[in-house]
């Protein structure tokens, strides 16, 4: 009897925690997809492939394996991606709440923009880009210039909490300087109403994304800022130098495909 009561109590406790977090299973109402994977692929584990990509063990690939198109599509547009993002932010929140900001306005948290602060999933959902093929760069750039990307909901939650703790936010994005106005408006409309700095990539910012973002963070620290946290969806967001006291990696199994198009696409 005692065991039954304990199991029931644990079930109710887990349910209450889940509800209190307020995490919706649908990441966007535009085209919600349920489940974390598509059909079974005999002899090939798409889950293992995704893990290899997320851990940066599989690199220099240009498209998602055709056998995994359904799996990756369902993951990105379904509940598991939201849950995985929620777990990352849960840990980031726990870390942030344990900090003791100096109160001098110099404690900052670095955010990437695309697929970290803003979500381009409505674009993928609407056009349902075949991730096993090359991106339609014209369509992708047109979407960026529309400035309609919604907030990544878990990151917005972190952003609001950081502000309440007295930690300022700095955005460092690979978007070009030409996109400053549309990016500023998009961030405002998505719920990011204030920040300390918005760093975009200028014509003089040569080199890889790792080099560019490392240099941007180095300049911040030389200006007296303390990077207490850093969050992004790509390894290039959190690798290199001056990465901050702690880094957090959001899931994104298609980022490498986007990175391979970086020189021709505006929002990476």
C-alpha atoms as a PDB file:
ATOM      1  CA  UNK A   1       0.000   0.000   0.000  1.00  0.00           C
ATOM      2  CA  UNK A   2       2.840   2.339   0.930  1.00  0.00           C
ATOM      3  CA  UNK A   3       4.493   1.745  -2.435  1.00  0.00           C
ATOM      4  CA  UNK A   4       1.246   2.536  -4.272  1.00  0.00           C
ATOM      5  CA  UNK A   5       0.825   5.779  -2.329  1.00  0.00           C
ATOM      6  CA  UNK A   6       4.420   6.763  -3.047  1.00  0.00           C
ATOM      7  CA  UNK A   7       4.048   6.106  -6.778  1.00  0.00           C
ATOM      8  CA  UNK A   8       0.798   8.105  -6.847  1.00  0.00           C
ATOM      9  CA  UNK A   9       2.436  10.988  -4.979  1.00  0.00           C
ATOM     10  CA  UNK A  10       5.372  11.051  -7.390  1.00  0.00           C
ATOM     11  CA  UNK A  11       3.003  11.058 -10.353  1.00  0.00           C
ATOM     12  CA  UNK A  12       0.997  13.974  -8.947  1.00  0.00           C
ATOM     13  CA  UNK A  13       4.172  15.866  -8.043  1.00  0.00           C
ATOM     14  CA  UNK A  14       5.628  15.432 -11.531  1.00  0.00           C
ATOM     15  CA  UNK A  15       2.351  16.555 -13.066  1.00  0.00           C
ATOM     16  CA  UNK A  16       2.184  19.661 -10.904  1.00  0.00           C
ATOM     17  CA  UNK A  17       5.782  20.593 -11.745  1.00  0.00           C
ATOM     18  CA  UNK A  18       5.094  20.171 -15.434  1.00  0.00           C
ATOM     19  CA  UNK A  19       1.980  22.332 -15.270  1.00  0.00           C
ATOM     20  CA  UNK A  20       3.678  24.982 -13.161  1.00  0.00           C
ATOM     21  CA  UNK A  21       6.337  25.410 -15.818  1.00  0.00           C
ATOM     22  CA  UNK A  22       3.610  26.296 -18.283  1.00  0.00           C
ATOM     23  CA  UNK A  23       5.383  24.607 -21.180  1.00  0.00           C
ATOM     24  CA  UNK A  24       3.131  24.154 -24.176  1.00  0.00           C
ATOM     25  CA  UNK A  25       3.635  21.083 -26.311  1.00  0.00           C
ATOM     26  CA  UNK A  26       3.139  23.161 -29.453  1.00  0.00           C
ATOM     27  CA  UNK A  27       6.001  25.417 -30.341  1.00  0.00           C
ATOM     28  CA  UNK A  28       4.015  27.453 -32.874  1.00  0.00           C
ATOM     29  CA  UNK A  29       0.308  27.422 -33.655  1.00  0.00           C
ATOM     30  CA  UNK A  30       1.115  28.095 -37.298  1.00  0.00           C
ATOM     31  CA  UNK A  31       1.708  24.439 -37.975  1.00  0.00           C
ATOM     32  CA  UNK A  32       1.993  22.342 -34.842  1.00  0.00           C
ATOM     33  CA  UNK A  33       3.408  18.871 -35.207  1.00  0.00           C
ATOM     34  CA  UNK A  34       3.262  16.341 -32.403  1.00  0.00           C
ATOM     35  CA  UNK A  35       5.793  13.702 -31.535  1.00  0.00           C
ATOM     36  CA  UNK A  36       9.543  13.692 -31.583  1.00  0.00           C
ATOM     37  CA  UNK A  37      10.187  11.644 -34.695  1.00  0.00           C
ATOM     38  CA  UNK A  38       8.779  10.355 -37.948  1.00  0.00           C
ATOM     39  CA  UNK A  39       8.608   6.843 -39.311  1.00  0.00           C
ATOM     40  CA  UNK A  40      11.115   4.171 -38.362  1.00  0.00           C
ATOM     41  CA  UNK A  41      14.155   3.921 -40.621  1.00  0.00           C
ATOM     42  CA  UNK A  42      15.354   0.299 -40.686  1.00  0.00           C
ATOM     43  CA  UNK A  43      19.054  -0.063 -39.989  1.00  0.00           C
ATOM     44  CA  UNK A  44      19.634   3.663 -39.477  1.00  0.00           C
ATOM     45  CA  UNK A  45      19.143   5.600 -36.252  1.00  0.00           C
ATOM     46  CA  UNK A  46      18.150   9.183 -36.946  1.00  0.00           C
ATOM     47  CA  UNK A  47      18.166   9.834 -33.218  1.00  0.00           C
ATOM     48  CA  UNK A  48      21.835   8.844 -33.135  1.00  0.00           C
ATOM     49  CA  UNK A  49      22.525  11.063 -36.149  1.00  0.00           C
ATOM     50  CA  UNK A  50      20.890  14.046 -34.416  1.00  0.00           C
ATOM     51  CA  UNK A  51      22.910  13.388 -31.256  1.00  0.00           C
ATOM     52  CA  UNK A  52      26.090  13.280 -33.336  1.00  0.00           C
ATOM     53  CA  UNK A  53      25.260  16.640 -34.872  1.00  0.00           C
ATOM     54  CA  UNK A  54      24.292  18.280 -31.578  1.00  0.00           C
ATOM     55  CA  UNK A  55      27.492  17.080 -29.907  1.00  0.00           C
ATOM     56  CA  UNK A  56      29.531  18.344 -32.880  1.00  0.00           C
ATOM     57  CA  UNK A  57      30.848  14.887 -33.648  1.00  0.00           C
ATOM     58  CA  UNK A  58      29.259  14.940 -37.102  1.00  0.00           C
ATOM     59  CA  UNK A  59      30.551  18.004 -38.944  1.00  0.00           C
ATOM     60  CA  UNK A  60      30.902  19.401 -42.462  1.00  0.00           C
ATOM     61  CA  UNK A  61      27.598  17.995 -43.676  1.00  0.00           C
ATOM     62  CA  UNK A  62      25.418  19.993 -46.060  1.00  0.00           C
ATOM     63  CA  UNK A  63      21.993  18.346 -45.858  1.00  0.00           C
ATOM     64  CA  UNK A  64      20.016  16.166 -43.504  1.00  0.00           C
ATOM     65  CA  UNK A  65      20.116  12.502 -44.645  1.00  0.00           C
ATOM     66  CA  UNK A  66      17.066  11.852 -46.777  1.00  0.00           C
ATOM     67  CA  UNK A  67      16.036   8.958 -44.551  1.00  0.00           C
ATOM     68  CA  UNK A  68      15.869  11.377 -41.614  1.00  0.00           C
ATOM     69  CA  UNK A  69      13.868  14.169 -43.230  1.00  0.00           C
ATOM     70  CA  UNK A  70      10.637  13.162 -41.517  1.00  0.00           C
ATOM     71  CA  UNK A  71      12.340  12.610 -38.177  1.00  0.00           C
ATOM     72  CA  UNK A  72      14.117  15.976 -38.128  1.00  0.00           C
ATOM     73  CA  UNK A  73      11.023  17.790 -39.368  1.00  0.00           C
ATOM     74  CA  UNK A  74       8.862  16.321 -36.645  1.00  0.00           C
ATOM     75  CA  UNK A  75      11.531  17.051 -34.049  1.00  0.00           C
ATOM     76  CA  UNK A  76      11.975  20.719 -34.948  1.00  0.00           C
ATOM     77  CA  UNK A  77       8.261  21.443 -35.310  1.00  0.00           C
ATOM     78  CA  UNK A  78       7.069  19.171 -32.520  1.00  0.00           C
ATOM     79  CA  UNK A  79       7.036  18.947 -28.761  1.00  0.00           C
ATOM     80  CA  UNK A  80      10.448  17.369 -28.193  1.00  0.00           C
ATOM     81  CA  UNK A  81      12.354  20.392 -29.491  1.00  0.00           C
ATOM     82  CA  UNK A  82      10.374  22.587 -27.100  1.00  0.00           C
ATOM     83  CA  UNK A  83      11.047  20.204 -24.216  1.00  0.00           C
ATOM     84  CA  UNK A  84      14.764  20.046 -24.975  1.00  0.00           C
ATOM     85  CA  UNK A  85      14.949  23.842 -25.178  1.00  0.00           C
ATOM     86  CA  UNK A  86      13.029  24.050 -21.921  1.00  0.00           C
ATOM     87  CA  UNK A  87      15.547  21.828 -20.153  1.00  0.00           C
ATOM     88  CA  UNK A  88      18.447  24.027 -21.287  1.00  0.00           C
ATOM     89  CA  UNK A  89      16.704  27.157 -20.068  1.00  0.00           C
ATOM     90  CA  UNK A  90      15.689  25.442 -16.816  1.00  0.00           C
ATOM     91  CA  UNK A  91      19.375  24.905 -16.040  1.00  0.00           C
ATOM     92  CA  UNK A  92      20.245  28.437 -17.165  1.00  0.00           C
ATOM     93  CA  UNK A  93      17.588  29.845 -14.843  1.00  0.00           C
ATOM     94  CA  UNK A  94      18.862  27.786 -11.922  1.00  0.00           C
ATOM     95  CA  UNK A  95      22.376  29.061 -12.546  1.00  0.00           C
ATOM     96  CA  UNK A  96      21.250  32.686 -12.964  1.00  0.00           C
ATOM     97  CA  UNK A  97      19.250  32.654  -9.752  1.00  0.00           C
ATOM     98  CA  UNK A  98      22.375  31.657  -7.875  1.00  0.00           C
ATOM     99  CA  UNK A  99      24.352  34.659  -9.108  1.00  0.00           C
ATOM    100  CA  UNK A 100      24.992  37.800  -7.088  1.00  0.00           C
ATOM    101  CA  UNK A 101      25.099  40.704  -9.565  1.00  0.00           C
ATOM    102  CA  UNK A 102      27.406  43.523  -8.491  1.00  0.00           C
ATOM    103  CA  UNK A 103      24.734  46.111  -9.186  1.00  0.00           C
ATOM    104  CA  UNK A 104      27.030  48.311 -11.267  1.00  0.00           C
ATOM    105  CA  UNK A 105      25.355  47.473 -14.570  1.00  0.00           C
ATOM    106  CA  UNK A 106      28.342  45.524 -15.853  1.00  0.00           C
ATOM    107  CA  UNK A 107      27.000  41.971 -15.446  1.00  0.00           C
ATOM    108  CA  UNK A 108      25.757  40.830 -18.843  1.00  0.00           C
ATOM    109  CA  UNK A 109      24.406  37.707 -20.511  1.00  0.00           C
ATOM    110  CA  UNK A 110      25.131  37.164 -24.210  1.00  0.00           C
ATOM    111  CA  UNK A 111      22.330  35.925 -26.474  1.00  0.00           C
ATOM    112  CA  UNK A 112      22.568  34.820 -30.079  1.00  0.00           C
ATOM    113  CA  UNK A 113      19.594  35.930 -32.205  1.00  0.00           C
ATOM    114  CA  UNK A 114      18.412  33.393 -34.796  1.00  0.00           C
ATOM    115  CA  UNK A 115      17.155  30.100 -33.353  1.00  0.00           C
ATOM    116  CA  UNK A 116      18.123  31.413 -29.918  1.00  0.00           C
ATOM    117  CA  UNK A 117      16.177  34.634 -29.334  1.00  0.00           C
ATOM    118  CA  UNK A 118      14.107  34.643 -32.514  1.00  0.00           C
ATOM    119  CA  UNK A 119      12.700  31.500 -34.098  1.00  0.00           C
ATOM    120  CA  UNK A 120      12.605  30.976 -37.850  1.00  0.00           C
ATOM    121  CA  UNK A 121      10.474  27.848 -37.471  1.00  0.00           C
ATOM    122  CA  UNK A 122       7.344  29.531 -38.915  1.00  0.00           C
ATOM    123  CA  UNK A 123       9.304  29.982 -42.135  1.00  0.00           C
ATOM    124  CA  UNK A 124      10.259  26.322 -42.186  1.00  0.00           C
ATOM    125  CA  UNK A 125       6.730  25.298 -41.268  1.00  0.00           C
ATOM    126  CA  UNK A 126       5.027  27.502 -43.835  1.00  0.00           C
ATOM    127  CA  UNK A 127       7.264  26.597 -46.733  1.00  0.00           C
ATOM    128  CA  UNK A 128       8.072  23.193 -45.190  1.00  0.00           C
ATOM    129  CA  UNK A 129      11.591  23.380 -46.477  1.00  0.00           C
ATOM    130  CA  UNK A 130      12.936  20.043 -47.514  1.00  0.00           C
ATOM    131  CA  UNK A 131      15.945  19.880 -45.251  1.00  0.00           C
ATOM    132  CA  UNK A 132      17.399  17.126 -47.404  1.00  0.00           C
ATOM    133  CA  UNK A 133      17.873  19.700 -50.158  1.00  0.00           C
ATOM    134  CA  UNK A 134      19.732  22.984 -50.359  1.00  0.00           C
ATOM    135  CA  UNK A 135      17.943  25.983 -48.877  1.00  0.00           C
ATOM    136  CA  UNK A 136      16.081  28.343 -51.168  1.00  0.00           C
ATOM    137  CA  UNK A 137      18.234  31.338 -50.297  1.00  0.00           C
ATOM    138  CA  UNK A 138      15.943  33.872 -51.957  1.00  0.00           C
ATOM    139  CA  UNK A 139      12.973  32.729 -49.898  1.00  0.00           C
ATOM    140  CA  UNK A 140      15.052  32.586 -46.712  1.00  0.00           C
ATOM    141  CA  UNK A 141      16.355  36.124 -47.127  1.00  0.00           C
ATOM    142  CA  UNK A 142      12.866  37.404 -47.930  1.00  0.00           C
ATOM    143  CA  UNK A 143      11.616  35.883 -44.674  1.00  0.00           C
ATOM    144  CA  UNK A 144      14.337  37.683 -42.700  1.00  0.00           C
ATOM    145  CA  UNK A 145      13.436  41.036 -44.213  1.00  0.00           C
ATOM    146  CA  UNK A 146       9.796  40.540 -43.250  1.00  0.00           C
ATOM    147  CA  UNK A 147      10.860  40.819 -39.614  1.00  0.00           C
ATOM    148  CA  UNK A 148       8.102  38.508 -38.391  1.00  0.00           C
ATOM    149  CA  UNK A 149      10.110  35.888 -36.520  1.00  0.00           C
ATOM    150  CA  UNK A 150       8.519  35.133 -33.129  1.00  0.00           C
ATOM    151  CA  UNK A 151      10.459  34.745 -29.935  1.00  0.00           C
ATOM    152  CA  UNK A 152      12.006  31.423 -29.032  1.00  0.00           C
ATOM    153  CA  UNK A 153       9.642  31.010 -26.068  1.00  0.00           C
ATOM    154  CA  UNK A 154      12.074  29.438 -23.636  1.00  0.00           C
ATOM    155  CA  UNK A 155      14.762  32.023 -24.345  1.00  0.00           C
ATOM    156  CA  UNK A 156      12.252  34.839 -23.821  1.00  0.00           C
ATOM    157  CA  UNK A 157      11.511  33.357 -20.410  1.00  0.00           C
ATOM    158  CA  UNK A 158      15.225  33.435 -19.567  1.00  0.00           C
ATOM    159  CA  UNK A 159      15.567  36.977 -20.895  1.00  0.00           C
ATOM    160  CA  UNK A 160      12.783  38.290 -18.665  1.00  0.00           C
ATOM    161  CA  UNK A 161      14.177  36.577 -15.585  1.00  0.00           C
ATOM    162  CA  UNK A 162      17.668  37.937 -16.185  1.00  0.00           C
ATOM    163  CA  UNK A 163      16.352  41.489 -16.376  1.00  0.00           C
ATOM    164  CA  UNK A 164      14.488  41.008 -13.098  1.00  0.00           C
ATOM    165  CA  UNK A 165      17.761  39.838 -11.516  1.00  0.00           C
ATOM    166  CA  UNK A 166      19.598  42.947 -12.642  1.00  0.00           C
ATOM    167  CA  UNK A 167      21.579  41.227 -15.387  1.00  0.00           C
ATOM    168  CA  UNK A 168      21.710  43.062 -18.698  1.00  0.00           C
ATOM    169  CA  UNK A 169      21.414  41.388 -22.091  1.00  0.00           C
ATOM    170  CA  UNK A 170      23.728  41.760 -25.082  1.00  0.00           C
ATOM    171  CA  UNK A 171      22.854  40.286 -28.466  1.00  0.00           C
ATOM    172  CA  UNK A 172      25.682  39.098 -30.718  1.00  0.00           C
ATOM    173  CA  UNK A 173      24.408  37.913 -34.080  1.00  0.00           C
ATOM    174  CA  UNK A 174      25.894  36.914 -37.397  1.00  0.00           C
ATOM    175  CA  UNK A 175      23.254  39.008 -39.127  1.00  0.00           C
ATOM    176  CA  UNK A 176      24.750  41.759 -41.241  1.00  0.00           C
ATOM    177  CA  UNK A 177      24.767  45.388 -40.148  1.00  0.00           C
ATOM    178  CA  UNK A 178      22.354  46.111 -43.010  1.00  0.00           C
ATOM    179  CA  UNK A 179      19.706  44.232 -41.009  1.00  0.00           C
ATOM    180  CA  UNK A 180      19.957  46.394 -37.883  1.00  0.00           C
ATOM    181  CA  UNK A 181      16.627  48.171 -38.303  1.00  0.00           C
ATOM    182  CA  UNK A 182      14.569  45.099 -39.149  1.00  0.00           C
ATOM    183  CA  UNK A 183      16.302  43.084 -36.404  1.00  0.00           C
ATOM    184  CA  UNK A 184      15.673  45.798 -33.816  1.00  0.00           C
ATOM    185  CA  UNK A 185      11.996  46.002 -34.742  1.00  0.00           C
ATOM    186  CA  UNK A 186      11.635  42.218 -34.834  1.00  0.00           C
ATOM    187  CA  UNK A 187      13.176  41.819 -31.388  1.00  0.00           C
ATOM    188  CA  UNK A 188      10.924  44.522 -29.950  1.00  0.00           C
ATOM    189  CA  UNK A 189       7.801  42.977 -31.463  1.00  0.00           C
ATOM    190  CA  UNK A 190       8.790  39.538 -30.183  1.00  0.00           C
ATOM    191  CA  UNK A 191       9.006  40.747 -26.585  1.00  0.00           C
ATOM    192  CA  UNK A 192      12.669  41.700 -26.230  1.00  0.00           C
ATOM    193  CA  UNK A 193      12.079  45.325 -25.335  1.00  0.00           C
ATOM    194  CA  UNK A 194      15.432  46.387 -23.946  1.00  0.00           C
ATOM    195  CA  UNK A 195      19.081  45.410 -24.162  1.00  0.00           C
ATOM    196  CA  UNK A 196      22.528  46.824 -23.515  1.00  0.00           C
ATOM    197  CA  UNK A 197      23.981  46.243 -26.992  1.00  0.00           C
ATOM    198  CA  UNK A 198      23.041  44.678 -30.315  1.00  0.00           C
ATOM    199  CA  UNK A 199      26.154  43.532 -32.186  1.00  0.00           C
ATOM    200  CA  UNK A 200      25.742  42.792 -35.885  1.00  0.00           C
ATOM    201  CA  UNK A 201      28.414  41.726 -38.322  1.00  0.00           C
ATOM    202  CA  UNK A 202      29.994  44.600 -40.230  1.00  0.00           C
ATOM    203  CA  UNK A 203      31.939  44.561 -43.478  1.00  0.00           C
ATOM    204  CA  UNK A 204      35.209  44.623 -41.522  1.00  0.00           C
ATOM    205  CA  UNK A 205      34.265  41.575 -39.436  1.00  0.00           C
ATOM    206  CA  UNK A 206      36.118  38.941 -41.402  1.00  0.00           C
ATOM    207  CA  UNK A 207      36.864  35.363 -40.441  1.00  0.00           C
ATOM    208  CA  UNK A 208      34.697  32.586 -39.113  1.00  0.00           C
ATOM    209  CA  UNK A 209      31.699  32.972 -36.842  1.00  0.00           C
ATOM    210  CA  UNK A 210      33.834  31.790 -33.922  1.00  0.00           C
ATOM    211  CA  UNK A 211      36.424  34.512 -34.593  1.00  0.00           C
ATOM    212  CA  UNK A 212      33.813  37.226 -35.098  1.00  0.00           C
ATOM    213  CA  UNK A 213      31.886  36.407 -31.944  1.00  0.00           C
ATOM    214  CA  UNK A 214      35.037  35.933 -29.874  1.00  0.00           C
ATOM    215  CA  UNK A 215      36.213  39.398 -30.911  1.00  0.00           C
ATOM    216  CA  UNK A 216      32.831  40.909 -30.076  1.00  0.00           C
ATOM    217  CA  UNK A 217      32.908  39.382 -26.589  1.00  0.00           C
ATOM    218  CA  UNK A 218      36.521  40.458 -26.087  1.00  0.00           C
ATOM    219  CA  UNK A 219      35.549  44.073 -26.821  1.00  0.00           C
ATOM    220  CA  UNK A 220      32.755  43.840 -24.264  1.00  0.00           C
ATOM    221  CA  UNK A 221      35.101  42.619 -21.562  1.00  0.00           C
ATOM    222  CA  UNK A 222      37.669  45.289 -22.429  1.00  0.00           C
ATOM    223  CA  UNK A 223      34.871  47.818 -21.892  1.00  0.00           C
ATOM    224  CA  UNK A 224      34.452  46.544 -18.357  1.00  0.00           C
ATOM    225  CA  UNK A 225      31.537  44.160 -18.812  1.00  0.00           C
ATOM    226  CA  UNK A 226      31.468  40.780 -17.087  1.00  0.00           C
ATOM    227  CA  UNK A 227      29.925  37.996 -19.166  1.00  0.00           C
ATOM    228  CA  UNK A 228      28.166  35.871 -16.560  1.00  0.00           C
ATOM    229  CA  UNK A 229      26.326  33.741 -19.116  1.00  0.00           C
ATOM    230  CA  UNK A 230      26.205  32.959 -22.831  1.00  0.00           C
ATOM    231  CA  UNK A 231      23.490  31.094 -24.755  1.00  0.00           C
ATOM    232  CA  UNK A 232      23.227  30.075 -28.391  1.00  0.00           C
ATOM    233  CA  UNK A 233      22.054  27.311 -30.694  1.00  0.00           C
ATOM    234  CA  UNK A 234      25.330  26.895 -32.579  1.00  0.00           C
ATOM    235  CA  UNK A 235      28.706  25.805 -31.276  1.00  0.00           C
ATOM    236  CA  UNK A 236      30.184  28.940 -32.838  1.00  0.00           C
ATOM    237  CA  UNK A 237      28.099  30.962 -30.353  1.00  0.00           C
ATOM    238  CA  UNK A 238      29.829  29.487 -27.338  1.00  0.00           C
ATOM    239  CA  UNK A 239      33.291  28.423 -28.529  1.00  0.00           C
ATOM    240  CA  UNK A 240      36.407  30.537 -28.921  1.00  0.00           C
ATOM    241  CA  UNK A 241      37.636  33.078 -26.400  1.00  0.00           C
ATOM    242  CA  UNK A 242      35.910  35.262 -23.817  1.00  0.00           C
ATOM    243  CA  UNK A 243      32.924  32.914 -23.758  1.00  0.00           C
ATOM    244  CA  UNK A 244      31.789  33.941 -20.274  1.00  0.00           C
ATOM    245  CA  UNK A 245      31.495  32.222 -16.928  1.00  0.00           C
ATOM    246  CA  UNK A 246      29.073  29.591 -18.214  1.00  0.00           C
ATOM    247  CA  UNK A 247      27.677  28.656 -21.606  1.00  0.00           C
ATOM    248  CA  UNK A 248      24.401  27.006 -22.650  1.00  0.00           C
ATOM    249  CA  UNK A 249      23.734  25.254 -25.972  1.00  0.00           C
ATOM    250  CA  UNK A 250      20.177  25.147 -27.320  1.00  0.00           C
ATOM    251  CA  UNK A 251      19.233  22.289 -29.669  1.00  0.00           C
ATOM    252  CA  UNK A 252      19.316  22.788 -33.430  1.00  0.00           C
ATOM    253  CA  UNK A 253      20.090  19.761 -35.613  1.00  0.00           C
ATOM    254  CA  UNK A 254      19.886  21.735 -38.867  1.00  0.00           C
ATOM    255  CA  UNK A 255      22.274  24.534 -37.971  1.00  0.00           C
ATOM    256  CA  UNK A 256      25.177  23.102 -39.965  1.00  0.00           C
ATOM    257  CA  UNK A 257      23.102  23.252 -43.142  1.00  0.00           C
ATOM    258  CA  UNK A 258      22.397  26.906 -42.433  1.00  0.00           C
ATOM    259  CA  UNK A 259      26.057  27.572 -41.648  1.00  0.00           C
ATOM    260  CA  UNK A 260      27.083  26.149 -45.003  1.00  0.00           C
ATOM    261  CA  UNK A 261      24.930  28.835 -46.639  1.00  0.00           C
ATOM    262  CA  UNK A 262      26.123  31.664 -44.376  1.00  0.00           C
ATOM    263  CA  UNK A 263      27.860  33.677 -47.066  1.00  0.00           C
ATOM    264  CA  UNK A 264      24.656  33.801 -49.092  1.00  0.00           C
ATOM    265  CA  UNK A 265      21.984  33.989 -46.409  1.00  0.00           C
ATOM    266  CA  UNK A 266      21.329  36.987 -44.207  1.00  0.00           C
ATOM    267  CA  UNK A 267      20.239  35.575 -40.890  1.00  0.00           C
ATOM    268  CA  UNK A 268      23.049  33.275 -39.797  1.00  0.00           C
END
